[in-house]
Amino acid sequence: MAVCGMNCGVCAAYLRPKNKCAGCRSELGQKVNHCFVCKIKLCEEKGNVNKFCFECPKYPCPRLKQLDKRYRSKYGMSMIENLKKISEIGLVRFWDSENKRWECPKCGNRICVHNKRCYFCEGK
């Protein structure tokens, strides 16, 4: 789970069969370039990389609001809503709800938030 509330497990770069991204917070494996240079992830306000944006005194900042607006309109997902749920119910319960939300009805694997595609069975 990225600091901004993005579920890396439903990202196209994480799910694709070739050149998979290891996830925003991963120290091992490859990542897509925007994960390395992400201004939200590298925000100095957070201090500790294990924190989430909702723990920041400037939450929600303009950068997060802009990202949230783009994801709401293009992909039907909200980083701010994800962060709100994590802060309310905890990360483990949030993961459980996300696994159900993004489960492919054909094969049970994850559906990609970016293209609504299952990379395992090609279901939509």
N, C-alpha and C. Protein backbone atom coordinates (compact mmCIF):
# COMPACT_ATOMS: atom_id res chain seq x y z
N MET A 1 0.85 -1.17 0.00
CA MET A 1 0.00 0.00 0.00
C MET A 1 0.89 1.23 0.00
N ALA A 2 0.68 2.08 -0.97
CA ALA A 2 1.48 3.30 -1.07
C ALA A 2 1.06 4.30 0.01
N VAL A 3 1.95 5.22 0.32
CA VAL A 3 1.68 6.24 1.33
C VAL A 3 0.46 7.09 0.97
N CYS A 4 0.18 7.24 -0.31
CA CYS A 4 -0.92 8.08 -0.81
C CYS A 4 -2.27 7.39 -0.77
N GLY A 5 -2.29 6.09 -0.50
CA GLY A 5 -3.53 5.34 -0.49
C GLY A 5 -3.74 4.49 -1.73
N MET A 6 -2.80 4.51 -2.65
CA MET A 6 -2.88 3.65 -3.84
C MET A 6 -2.62 2.21 -3.43
N ASN A 7 -3.51 1.34 -3.86
CA ASN A 7 -3.32 -0.09 -3.64
C ASN A 7 -2.45 -0.59 -4.78
N CYS A 8 -1.17 -0.75 -4.53
CA CYS A 8 -0.24 -1.18 -5.58
C CYS A 8 -0.64 -2.54 -6.16
N GLY A 9 -1.35 -3.35 -5.40
CA GLY A 9 -1.77 -4.66 -5.86
C GLY A 9 -2.77 -4.65 -6.99
N VAL A 10 -3.37 -3.49 -7.30
CA VAL A 10 -4.31 -3.40 -8.41
C VAL A 10 -3.79 -2.49 -9.52
N CYS A 11 -2.53 -2.12 -9.43
CA CYS A 11 -1.89 -1.25 -10.42
C CYS A 11 -1.46 -2.09 -11.63
N ALA A 12 -1.60 -1.53 -12.81
CA ALA A 12 -1.21 -2.22 -14.05
C ALA A 12 0.26 -2.62 -14.03
N ALA A 13 1.12 -1.77 -13.51
CA ALA A 13 2.55 -2.07 -13.49
C ALA A 13 2.85 -3.25 -12.56
N TYR A 14 2.09 -3.41 -11.51
CA TYR A 14 2.28 -4.51 -10.56
C TYR A 14 1.71 -5.81 -11.12
N LEU A 15 0.61 -5.73 -11.82
CA LEU A 15 -0.09 -6.93 -12.31
C LEU A 15 0.41 -7.45 -13.65
N ARG A 16 0.99 -6.61 -14.46
CA ARG A 16 1.37 -7.05 -15.81
C ARG A 16 2.36 -8.22 -15.75
N PRO A 17 2.31 -9.09 -16.77
CA PRO A 17 3.15 -10.29 -16.75
C PRO A 17 4.65 -10.02 -16.89
N LYS A 18 5.02 -8.99 -17.65
CA LYS A 18 6.45 -8.71 -17.87
C LYS A 18 6.84 -7.41 -17.19
N ASN A 19 8.09 -7.33 -16.75
CA ASN A 19 8.63 -6.13 -16.11
C ASN A 19 7.74 -5.62 -14.98
N LYS A 20 7.35 -6.55 -14.11
CA LYS A 20 6.46 -6.21 -13.02
C LYS A 20 7.12 -5.24 -12.04
N CYS A 21 6.34 -4.31 -11.57
CA CYS A 21 6.79 -3.40 -10.52
C CYS A 21 6.63 -4.13 -9.18
N ALA A 22 7.57 -3.93 -8.30
CA ALA A 22 7.53 -4.59 -6.99
C ALA A 22 6.63 -3.86 -6.00
N GLY A 23 6.17 -2.70 -6.35
CA GLY A 23 5.31 -1.93 -5.45
C GLY A 23 6.03 -0.71 -4.92
N CYS A 24 5.29 0.31 -4.63
CA CYS A 24 5.82 1.61 -4.24
C CYS A 24 6.82 1.56 -3.08
N ARG A 25 6.49 0.81 -2.04
CA ARG A 25 7.34 0.79 -0.84
C ARG A 25 8.43 -0.26 -0.87
N SER A 26 8.42 -1.11 -1.86
CA SER A 26 9.37 -2.21 -1.92
C SER A 26 10.81 -1.71 -2.02
N GLU A 27 11.66 -2.32 -1.24
CA GLU A 27 13.09 -2.02 -1.31
C GLU A 27 13.79 -2.97 -2.29
N LEU A 28 13.14 -4.07 -2.59
CA LEU A 28 13.69 -5.08 -3.49
C LEU A 28 12.90 -5.10 -4.78
N GLY A 29 13.53 -5.49 -5.85
CA GLY A 29 12.84 -5.61 -7.13
C GLY A 29 12.75 -4.28 -7.84
N GLN A 30 12.29 -4.35 -9.07
CA GLN A 30 12.21 -3.14 -9.90
C GLN A 30 10.91 -2.39 -9.63
N LYS A 31 10.96 -1.11 -9.90
CA LYS A 31 9.78 -0.25 -9.80
C LYS A 31 9.68 0.58 -11.06
N VAL A 32 8.47 1.03 -11.34
CA VAL A 32 8.32 1.95 -12.46
C VAL A 32 8.88 3.30 -12.03
N ASN A 33 9.31 4.08 -12.99
CA ASN A 33 10.01 5.33 -12.70
C ASN A 33 9.22 6.27 -11.80
N HIS A 34 7.91 6.40 -12.04
CA HIS A 34 7.15 7.35 -11.23
C HIS A 34 7.13 6.98 -9.76
N CYS A 35 7.37 5.72 -9.40
CA CYS A 35 7.45 5.34 -7.98
C CYS A 35 8.74 5.86 -7.35
N PHE A 36 9.80 5.95 -8.14
CA PHE A 36 11.06 6.47 -7.61
C PHE A 36 11.02 7.98 -7.40
N VAL A 37 10.33 8.69 -8.26
CA VAL A 37 10.35 10.15 -8.22
C VAL A 37 9.06 10.76 -7.68
N CYS A 38 8.17 9.95 -7.17
CA CYS A 38 6.87 10.42 -6.69
C CYS A 38 7.04 11.46 -5.58
N LYS A 39 6.51 12.65 -5.82
CA LYS A 39 6.65 13.74 -4.85
C LYS A 39 5.82 13.49 -3.60
N ILE A 40 4.75 12.74 -3.72
CA ILE A 40 3.96 12.41 -2.53
C ILE A 40 4.74 11.44 -1.66
N LYS A 41 5.31 10.42 -2.27
CA LYS A 41 6.09 9.44 -1.51
C LYS A 41 7.32 10.08 -0.87
N LEU A 42 7.95 10.99 -1.58
CA LEU A 42 9.17 11.62 -1.10
C LEU A 42 8.91 12.87 -0.24
N CYS A 43 7.68 13.14 0.07
CA CYS A 43 7.30 14.32 0.85
C CYS A 43 8.06 14.38 2.17
N GLU A 44 8.63 15.52 2.45
CA GLU A 44 9.40 15.69 3.68
C GLU A 44 8.50 15.82 4.91
N GLU A 45 7.24 16.15 4.71
CA GLU A 45 6.32 16.28 5.83
C GLU A 45 6.12 14.96 6.55
N LYS A 46 6.13 13.86 5.80
CA LYS A 46 5.92 12.55 6.40
C LYS A 46 7.07 12.15 7.29
N GLY A 47 8.28 12.47 6.88
CA GLY A 47 9.44 12.08 7.65
C GLY A 47 9.73 10.60 7.55
N ASN A 48 8.85 9.78 8.02
CA ASN A 48 9.05 8.34 8.06
C ASN A 48 8.31 7.69 6.89
N VAL A 49 9.00 6.91 6.09
CA VAL A 49 8.39 6.31 4.89
C VAL A 49 7.30 5.30 5.22
N ASN A 50 7.22 4.84 6.46
CA ASN A 50 6.20 3.87 6.82
C ASN A 50 4.87 4.52 7.16
N LYS A 51 4.81 5.81 7.15
CA LYS A 51 3.58 6.50 7.48
C LYS A 51 2.71 6.66 6.24
N PHE A 52 1.45 7.00 6.49
CA PHE A 52 0.51 7.31 5.43
C PHE A 52 0.26 8.80 5.41
N CYS A 53 -0.22 9.30 4.29
CA CYS A 53 -0.49 10.73 4.15
C CYS A 53 -1.48 11.25 5.19
N PHE A 54 -2.43 10.41 5.62
CA PHE A 54 -3.42 10.89 6.59
C PHE A 54 -2.80 11.23 7.93
N GLU A 55 -1.56 10.83 8.16
CA GLU A 55 -0.86 11.14 9.40
C GLU A 55 -0.15 12.49 9.35
N CYS A 56 -0.22 13.15 8.21
CA CYS A 56 0.45 14.43 8.01
C CYS A 56 -0.43 15.59 8.46
N PRO A 57 0.16 16.62 9.08
CA PRO A 57 -0.64 17.78 9.48
C PRO A 57 -1.20 18.56 8.29
N LYS A 58 -0.64 18.38 7.10
CA LYS A 58 -1.12 19.08 5.90
C LYS A 58 -2.08 18.23 5.06
N TYR A 59 -2.51 17.11 5.58
CA TYR A 59 -3.42 16.21 4.88
C TYR A 59 -4.80 16.81 4.78
N PRO A 60 -5.43 16.72 3.63
CA PRO A 60 -4.90 16.30 2.33
C PRO A 60 -4.25 17.48 1.62
N CYS A 61 -3.05 17.30 1.18
CA CYS A 61 -2.31 18.36 0.52
C CYS A 61 -2.79 18.53 -0.93
N PRO A 62 -2.42 19.62 -1.58
CA PRO A 62 -2.83 19.83 -2.99
C PRO A 62 -2.39 18.72 -3.94
N ARG A 63 -1.22 18.16 -3.74
CA ARG A 63 -0.75 17.08 -4.63
C ARG A 63 -1.64 15.85 -4.49
N LEU A 64 -1.97 15.50 -3.25
CA LEU A 64 -2.82 14.34 -3.03
C LEU A 64 -4.22 14.60 -3.58
N LYS A 65 -4.74 15.79 -3.40
CA LYS A 65 -6.06 16.12 -3.93
C LYS A 65 -6.08 16.02 -5.45
N GLN A 66 -5.02 16.46 -6.10
CA GLN A 66 -4.93 16.39 -7.56
C GLN A 66 -4.89 14.93 -8.03
N LEU A 67 -4.08 14.11 -7.36
CA LEU A 67 -3.99 12.70 -7.70
C LEU A 67 -5.33 12.02 -7.48
N ASP A 68 -5.97 12.33 -6.37
CA ASP A 68 -7.27 11.76 -6.04
C ASP A 68 -8.31 12.13 -7.10
N LYS A 69 -8.32 13.38 -7.51
CA LYS A 69 -9.27 13.84 -8.52
C LYS A 69 -9.09 13.08 -9.83
N ARG A 70 -7.84 12.90 -10.24
CA ARG A 70 -7.55 12.17 -11.48
C ARG A 70 -8.00 10.71 -11.38
N TYR A 71 -7.69 10.06 -10.26
CA TYR A 71 -8.08 8.66 -10.10
C TYR A 71 -9.58 8.48 -9.96
N ARG A 72 -10.25 9.43 -9.32
CA ARG A 72 -11.71 9.35 -9.22
C ARG A 72 -12.34 9.43 -10.61
N SER A 73 -11.89 10.39 -11.41
CA SER A 73 -12.51 10.60 -12.72
C SER A 73 -12.11 9.54 -13.75
N LYS A 74 -10.86 9.11 -13.74
CA LYS A 74 -10.40 8.15 -14.75
C LYS A 74 -10.63 6.69 -14.38
N TYR A 75 -10.51 6.38 -13.09
CA TYR A 75 -10.50 4.97 -12.68
C TYR A 75 -11.56 4.59 -11.64
N GLY A 76 -12.31 5.56 -11.15
CA GLY A 76 -13.35 5.25 -10.17
C GLY A 76 -12.80 4.81 -8.81
N MET A 77 -11.62 5.28 -8.48
CA MET A 77 -11.01 4.95 -7.20
C MET A 77 -10.51 6.23 -6.54
N SER A 78 -10.59 6.30 -5.24
CA SER A 78 -10.17 7.49 -4.52
C SER A 78 -9.07 7.16 -3.52
N MET A 79 -7.94 7.82 -3.66
CA MET A 79 -6.85 7.65 -2.70
C MET A 79 -7.29 8.16 -1.32
N ILE A 80 -7.99 9.29 -1.31
CA ILE A 80 -8.42 9.89 -0.04
C ILE A 80 -9.42 8.98 0.67
N GLU A 81 -10.34 8.37 -0.08
CA GLU A 81 -11.28 7.42 0.53
C GLU A 81 -10.53 6.19 1.05
N ASN A 82 -9.54 5.72 0.30
CA ASN A 82 -8.73 4.59 0.77
C ASN A 82 -8.04 4.94 2.08
N LEU A 83 -7.43 6.11 2.12
CA LEU A 83 -6.73 6.53 3.34
C LEU A 83 -7.70 6.68 4.51
N LYS A 84 -8.89 7.18 4.24
CA LYS A 84 -9.90 7.33 5.29
C LYS A 84 -10.26 5.96 5.85
N LYS A 85 -10.47 4.99 4.97
CA LYS A 85 -10.81 3.63 5.42
C LYS A 85 -9.67 3.01 6.21
N ILE A 86 -8.44 3.19 5.75
CA ILE A 86 -7.29 2.64 6.48
C ILE A 86 -7.22 3.23 7.88
N SER A 87 -7.43 4.54 7.99
CA SER A 87 -7.35 5.17 9.31
C SER A 87 -8.50 4.73 10.22
N GLU A 88 -9.65 4.40 9.64
CA GLU A 88 -10.81 3.99 10.43
C GLU A 88 -10.80 2.52 10.82
N ILE A 89 -10.48 1.64 9.87
CA ILE A 89 -10.61 0.20 10.14
C ILE A 89 -9.28 -0.54 10.21
N GLY A 90 -8.20 0.13 9.88
CA GLY A 90 -6.89 -0.51 9.92
C GLY A 90 -6.52 -1.13 8.58
N LEU A 91 -5.24 -1.34 8.40
CA LEU A 91 -4.72 -1.82 7.12
C LEU A 91 -5.18 -3.25 6.80
N VAL A 92 -5.20 -4.13 7.79
CA VAL A 92 -5.57 -5.53 7.53
C VAL A 92 -7.01 -5.64 7.05
N ARG A 93 -7.93 -4.97 7.72
CA ARG A 93 -9.33 -5.02 7.30
C ARG A 93 -9.52 -4.31 5.96
N PHE A 94 -8.76 -3.25 5.74
CA PHE A 94 -8.83 -2.57 4.45
C PHE A 94 -8.39 -3.52 3.33
N TRP A 95 -7.27 -4.24 3.54
CA TRP A 95 -6.79 -5.20 2.54
C TRP A 95 -7.85 -6.23 2.22
N ASP A 96 -8.52 -6.72 3.27
CA ASP A 96 -9.58 -7.71 3.04
C ASP A 96 -10.67 -7.16 2.14
N SER A 97 -11.10 -5.92 2.42
CA SER A 97 -12.15 -5.32 1.61
C SER A 97 -11.66 -5.05 0.18
N GLU A 98 -10.41 -4.65 0.02
CA GLU A 98 -9.85 -4.41 -1.31
C GLU A 98 -9.75 -5.71 -2.12
N ASN A 99 -9.36 -6.78 -1.46
CA ASN A 99 -9.26 -8.07 -2.16
C ASN A 99 -10.62 -8.48 -2.71
N LYS A 100 -11.68 -8.23 -1.96
CA LYS A 100 -13.03 -8.55 -2.44
C LYS A 100 -13.45 -7.58 -3.55
N ARG A 101 -13.15 -6.31 -3.37
CA ARG A 101 -13.55 -5.29 -4.34
C ARG A 101 -12.95 -5.53 -5.72
N TRP A 102 -11.68 -5.93 -5.77
CA TRP A 102 -10.96 -6.05 -7.03
C TRP A 102 -10.79 -7.50 -7.48
N GLU A 103 -11.61 -8.40 -6.97
CA GLU A 103 -11.50 -9.81 -7.33
C GLU A 103 -12.16 -10.10 -8.67
N CYS A 104 -11.45 -10.80 -9.52
CA CYS A 104 -11.99 -11.20 -10.82
C CYS A 104 -13.08 -12.25 -10.59
N PRO A 105 -14.28 -12.03 -11.13
CA PRO A 105 -15.35 -13.01 -10.93
C PRO A 105 -15.11 -14.35 -11.63
N LYS A 106 -14.23 -14.35 -12.62
CA LYS A 106 -13.95 -15.59 -13.36
C LYS A 106 -12.91 -16.47 -12.69
N CYS A 107 -11.81 -15.85 -12.21
CA CYS A 107 -10.71 -16.68 -11.71
C CYS A 107 -10.29 -16.35 -10.27
N GLY A 108 -10.78 -15.27 -9.72
CA GLY A 108 -10.45 -14.94 -8.33
C GLY A 108 -9.19 -14.11 -8.14
N ASN A 109 -8.45 -13.86 -9.21
CA ASN A 109 -7.27 -13.01 -9.10
C ASN A 109 -7.70 -11.54 -9.13
N ARG A 110 -6.76 -10.64 -9.10
CA ARG A 110 -7.07 -9.21 -9.03
C ARG A 110 -7.34 -8.60 -10.40
N ILE A 111 -8.28 -7.68 -10.40
CA ILE A 111 -8.59 -6.88 -11.58
C ILE A 111 -7.80 -5.58 -11.47
N CYS A 112 -7.28 -5.11 -12.57
CA CYS A 112 -6.48 -3.89 -12.61
C CYS A 112 -7.37 -2.65 -12.54
N VAL A 113 -7.01 -1.73 -11.67
CA VAL A 113 -7.76 -0.47 -11.53
C VAL A 113 -7.65 0.39 -12.79
N HIS A 114 -6.55 0.30 -13.49
CA HIS A 114 -6.30 1.18 -14.63
C HIS A 114 -7.06 0.79 -15.90
N ASN A 115 -7.28 -0.51 -16.10
CA ASN A 115 -7.95 -0.93 -17.33
C ASN A 115 -9.06 -1.96 -17.09
N LYS A 116 -9.37 -2.21 -15.84
CA LYS A 116 -10.44 -3.15 -15.45
C LYS A 116 -10.25 -4.53 -16.06
N ARG A 117 -9.01 -4.91 -16.22
CA ARG A 117 -8.64 -6.17 -16.87
C ARG A 117 -8.03 -7.13 -15.86
N CYS A 118 -8.31 -8.41 -16.03
CA CYS A 118 -7.65 -9.44 -15.25
C CYS A 118 -6.49 -9.96 -16.09
N TYR A 119 -5.29 -9.82 -15.59
CA TYR A 119 -4.11 -10.24 -16.35
C TYR A 119 -3.94 -11.77 -16.32
N PHE A 120 -4.73 -12.46 -15.48
CA PHE A 120 -4.59 -13.90 -15.37
C PHE A 120 -5.52 -14.64 -16.33
N CYS A 121 -6.76 -14.21 -16.41
CA CYS A 121 -7.70 -14.91 -17.30
C CYS A 121 -8.22 -14.02 -18.41
N GLU A 122 -7.74 -12.76 -18.42
CA GLU A 122 -8.18 -11.79 -19.41
C GLU A 122 -9.66 -11.42 -19.28
N GLY A 123 -10.26 -11.74 -18.15
CA GLY A 123 -11.66 -11.39 -17.93
C GLY A 123 -11.82 -9.89 -17.65
N LYS A 124 -13.00 -9.39 -17.84
CA LYS A 124 -13.28 -7.98 -17.58
C LYS A 124 -14.49 -7.86 -16.70
